[in-house]
Amino acid sequence: MQGRRLFVLVAVLLVELVGLGYFIKGFFPYKKSLPGFAGRQDQPWDISQSLSGDLAATSGGSNAVEAQYDRLVIMLVDALRNDFVFGNNSAMEYTQGMLRAGDAVGFTAKALAPT
């Protein structure tokens, strides 16, 4: 009788540990990342230089693209459904107006838990 209780206790403990392992694997998934850091050579080139054939001759900072805007605002809202902003019945009139005018760019990211 004592051996059977010990067996059941060990089996329950093993099931609990396996369940905890599956929970941790699902809640904290492995995220792939690229090694290293971005450098100056990773900047986008100016398309006019590549059309004129001067891209091979440029090696320094002359291939940097001129900035389109003088400032940048990143609005990140966690757990906001994208139809609240981009939907037809959205109450976010200011943001919708900026998107329609081309003064803002909308982007929806799919985030994995935990965010």
C-alpha atoms as a PDB file:
ATOM      1  CA  MET A   1       0.000   0.000   0.000  1.00  0.00           C
ATOM      2  CA  GLN A   2       2.846   2.413   0.890  1.00  0.00           C
ATOM      3  CA  GLY A   3       4.636   1.679  -2.434  1.00  0.00           C
ATOM      4  CA  ARG A   4       1.522   2.402  -4.468  1.00  0.00           C
ATOM      5  CA  ARG A   5       1.035   5.786  -2.781  1.00  0.00           C
ATOM      6  CA  LEU A   6       4.664   6.690  -3.427  1.00  0.00           C
ATOM      7  CA  PHE A   7       4.279   5.677  -7.099  1.00  0.00           C
ATOM      8  CA  VAL A   8       1.148   7.826  -7.489  1.00  0.00           C
ATOM      9  CA  LEU A   9       2.870  10.766  -5.772  1.00  0.00           C
ATOM     10  CA  VAL A  10       5.910  10.532  -8.083  1.00  0.00           C
ATOM     11  CA  ALA A  11       3.655  10.178 -11.160  1.00  0.00           C
ATOM     12  CA  VAL A  12       1.629  13.258 -10.174  1.00  0.00           C
ATOM     13  CA  LEU A  13       4.853  15.196  -9.569  1.00  0.00           C
ATOM     14  CA  LEU A  14       6.205  14.228 -13.007  1.00  0.00           C
ATOM     15  CA  VAL A  15       2.957  15.240 -14.733  1.00  0.00           C
ATOM     16  CA  GLU A  16       3.069  18.551 -12.869  1.00  0.00           C
ATOM     17  CA  LEU A  17       6.668  19.212 -13.963  1.00  0.00           C
ATOM     18  CA  VAL A  18       5.913  18.325 -17.605  1.00  0.00           C
ATOM     19  CA  GLY A  19       2.882  20.625 -17.538  1.00  0.00           C
ATOM     20  CA  LEU A  20       4.962  23.430 -16.051  1.00  0.00           C
ATOM     21  CA  GLY A  21       7.565  22.918 -18.774  1.00  0.00           C
ATOM     22  CA  TYR A  22       4.928  23.155 -21.532  1.00  0.00           C
ATOM     23  CA  PHE A  23       3.481  26.286 -19.932  1.00  0.00           C
ATOM     24  CA  ILE A  24       6.871  27.988 -19.743  1.00  0.00           C
ATOM     25  CA  LYS A  25       7.693  27.017 -23.334  1.00  0.00           C
ATOM     26  CA  GLY A  26       4.377  28.425 -24.571  1.00  0.00           C
ATOM     27  CA  PHE A  27       4.382  31.597 -22.470  1.00  0.00           C
ATOM     28  CA  PHE A  28       8.042  32.477 -23.121  1.00  0.00           C
ATOM     29  CA  PRO A  29       8.617  31.325 -26.706  1.00  0.00           C
ATOM     30  CA  TYR A  30      12.059  31.320 -28.279  1.00  0.00           C
ATOM     31  CA  LYS A  31      12.544  34.447 -30.361  1.00  0.00           C
ATOM     32  CA  LYS A  32      14.933  34.329 -33.273  1.00  0.00           C
ATOM     33  CA  SER A  33      17.253  37.303 -33.557  1.00  0.00           C
ATOM     34  CA  LEU A  34      19.936  38.349 -35.959  1.00  0.00           C
ATOM     35  CA  PRO A  35      23.471  38.505 -34.582  1.00  0.00           C
ATOM     36  CA  GLY A  36      25.583  41.637 -34.745  1.00  0.00           C
ATOM     37  CA  PHE A  37      24.811  45.323 -35.053  1.00  0.00           C
ATOM     38  CA  ALA A  38      23.759  47.550 -37.934  1.00  0.00           C
ATOM     39  CA  GLY A  39      26.428  49.815 -39.350  1.00  0.00           C
ATOM     40  CA  ARG A  40      26.815  52.581 -41.890  1.00  0.00           C
ATOM     41  CA  GLN A  41      27.047  50.067 -44.731  1.00  0.00           C
ATOM     42  CA  ASP A  42      23.514  48.885 -43.860  1.00  0.00           C
ATOM     43  CA  GLN A  43      21.949  52.263 -44.691  1.00  0.00           C
ATOM     44  CA  PRO A  44      19.738  52.402 -47.756  1.00  0.00           C
ATOM     45  CA  TRP A  45      21.485  53.979 -50.735  1.00  0.00           C
ATOM     46  CA  ASP A  46      20.281  56.897 -52.764  1.00  0.00           C
ATOM     47  CA  ILE A  47      18.496  55.512 -55.823  1.00  0.00           C
ATOM     48  CA  SER A  48      19.713  58.368 -58.042  1.00  0.00           C
ATOM     49  CA  GLN A  49      23.332  57.294 -57.452  1.00  0.00           C
ATOM     50  CA  SER A  50      22.596  53.724 -58.514  1.00  0.00           C
ATOM     51  CA  LEU A  51      20.856  54.938 -61.692  1.00  0.00           C
ATOM     52  CA  SER A  52      23.786  57.143 -62.702  1.00  0.00           C
ATOM     53  CA  GLY A  53      26.317  54.378 -62.034  1.00  0.00           C
ATOM     54  CA  ASP A  54      28.070  56.319 -59.281  1.00  0.00           C
ATOM     55  CA  LEU A  55      27.172  53.798 -56.569  1.00  0.00           C
ATOM     56  CA  ALA A  56      30.353  51.776 -57.041  1.00  0.00           C
ATOM     57  CA  ALA A  57      32.469  54.929 -56.742  1.00  0.00           C
ATOM     58  CA  THR A  58      30.903  56.046 -53.463  1.00  0.00           C
ATOM     59  CA  SER A  59      32.476  54.521 -50.415  1.00  0.00           C
ATOM     60  CA  GLY A  60      31.935  57.021 -47.641  1.00  0.00           C
ATOM     61  CA  GLY A  61      29.014  58.956 -46.210  1.00  0.00           C
ATOM     62  CA  SER A  62      27.825  60.352 -49.546  1.00  0.00           C
ATOM     63  CA  ASN A  63      25.418  57.456 -50.051  1.00  0.00           C
ATOM     64  CA  ALA A  64      23.192  58.449 -47.125  1.00  0.00           C
ATOM     65  CA  VAL A  65      19.574  59.199 -47.949  1.00  0.00           C
ATOM     66  CA  GLU A  66      18.355  62.700 -47.123  1.00  0.00           C
ATOM     67  CA  ALA A  67      15.793  62.796 -44.323  1.00  0.00           C
ATOM     68  CA  GLN A  68      12.174  63.214 -45.383  1.00  0.00           C
ATOM     69  CA  TYR A  69      11.038  64.636 -42.022  1.00  0.00           C
ATOM     70  CA  ASP A  70      12.627  66.848 -39.392  1.00  0.00           C
ATOM     71  CA  ARG A  71      11.214  64.858 -36.461  1.00  0.00           C
ATOM     72  CA  LEU A  72       9.861  61.414 -35.736  1.00  0.00           C
ATOM     73  CA  VAL A  73       7.186  60.366 -33.259  1.00  0.00           C
ATOM     74  CA  ILE A  74       6.627  56.694 -32.601  1.00  0.00           C
ATOM     75  CA  MET A  75       3.301  55.916 -30.970  1.00  0.00           C
ATOM     76  CA  LEU A  76       3.280  52.433 -29.479  1.00  0.00           C
ATOM     77  CA  VAL A  77       0.108  51.254 -27.792  1.00  0.00           C
ATOM     78  CA  ASP A  78       0.173  47.798 -26.272  1.00  0.00           C
ATOM     79  CA  ALA A  79      -2.986  45.661 -26.526  1.00  0.00           C
ATOM     80  CA  LEU A  80      -4.779  48.095 -28.854  1.00  0.00           C
ATOM     81  CA  ARG A  81      -6.707  46.331 -31.593  1.00  0.00           C
ATOM     82  CA  ASN A  82      -5.842  47.704 -35.017  1.00  0.00           C
ATOM     83  CA  ASP A  83      -9.489  48.155 -36.028  1.00  0.00           C
ATOM     84  CA  PHE A  84      -9.810  50.764 -33.257  1.00  0.00           C
ATOM     85  CA  VAL A  85      -7.406  52.939 -35.267  1.00  0.00           C
ATOM     86  CA  PHE A  86      -7.736  51.739 -38.873  1.00  0.00           C
ATOM     87  CA  GLY A  87     -11.397  50.660 -38.904  1.00  0.00           C
ATOM     88  CA  ASN A  88     -14.215  52.530 -40.648  1.00  0.00           C
ATOM     89  CA  ASN A  89     -16.000  53.220 -37.339  1.00  0.00           C
ATOM     90  CA  SER A  90     -12.883  54.495 -35.556  1.00  0.00           C
ATOM     91  CA  ALA A  91     -13.287  57.377 -33.117  1.00  0.00           C
ATOM     92  CA  MET A  92      -9.615  58.353 -33.522  1.00  0.00           C
ATOM     93  CA  GLU A  93     -10.316  61.162 -35.989  1.00  0.00           C
ATOM     94  CA  TYR A  94      -7.006  62.984 -35.597  1.00  0.00           C
ATOM     95  CA  THR A  95      -4.967  59.848 -36.211  1.00  0.00           C
ATOM     96  CA  GLN A  96      -7.209  58.822 -39.126  1.00  0.00           C
ATOM     97  CA  GLY A  97      -6.762  62.289 -40.671  1.00  0.00           C
ATOM     98  CA  MET A  98      -2.978  62.067 -40.405  1.00  0.00           C
ATOM     99  CA  LEU A  99      -3.023  58.614 -41.997  1.00  0.00           C
ATOM    100  CA  ARG A 100      -5.237  59.775 -44.877  1.00  0.00           C
ATOM    101  CA  ALA A 101      -3.093  62.875 -45.505  1.00  0.00           C
ATOM    102  CA  GLY A 102       0.100  60.827 -45.578  1.00  0.00           C
ATOM    103  CA  ASP A 103       1.511  62.595 -42.529  1.00  0.00           C
ATOM    104  CA  ALA A 104       1.569  59.324 -40.589  1.00  0.00           C
ATOM    105  CA  VAL A 105       2.283  55.705 -41.390  1.00  0.00           C
ATOM    106  CA  GLY A 106       0.281  52.982 -39.696  1.00  0.00           C
ATOM    107  CA  PHE A 107       1.825  49.652 -38.808  1.00  0.00           C
ATOM    108  CA  THR A 108       0.388  46.687 -36.959  1.00  0.00           C
ATOM    109  CA  ALA A 109       2.894  44.382 -35.299  1.00  0.00           C
ATOM    110  CA  LYS A 110       2.101  40.881 -34.163  1.00  0.00           C
ATOM    111  CA  ALA A 111       3.637  40.555 -30.723  1.00  0.00           C
ATOM    112  CA  LEU A 112       4.230  37.356 -28.820  1.00  0.00           C
ATOM    113  CA  ALA A 113       3.499  37.081 -25.121  1.00  0.00           C
ATOM    114  CA  PRO A 114       4.703  38.562 -22.872  1.00  0.00           C
ATOM    115  CA  THR A 115       4.792  42.017 -24.432  1.00  0.00           C
END
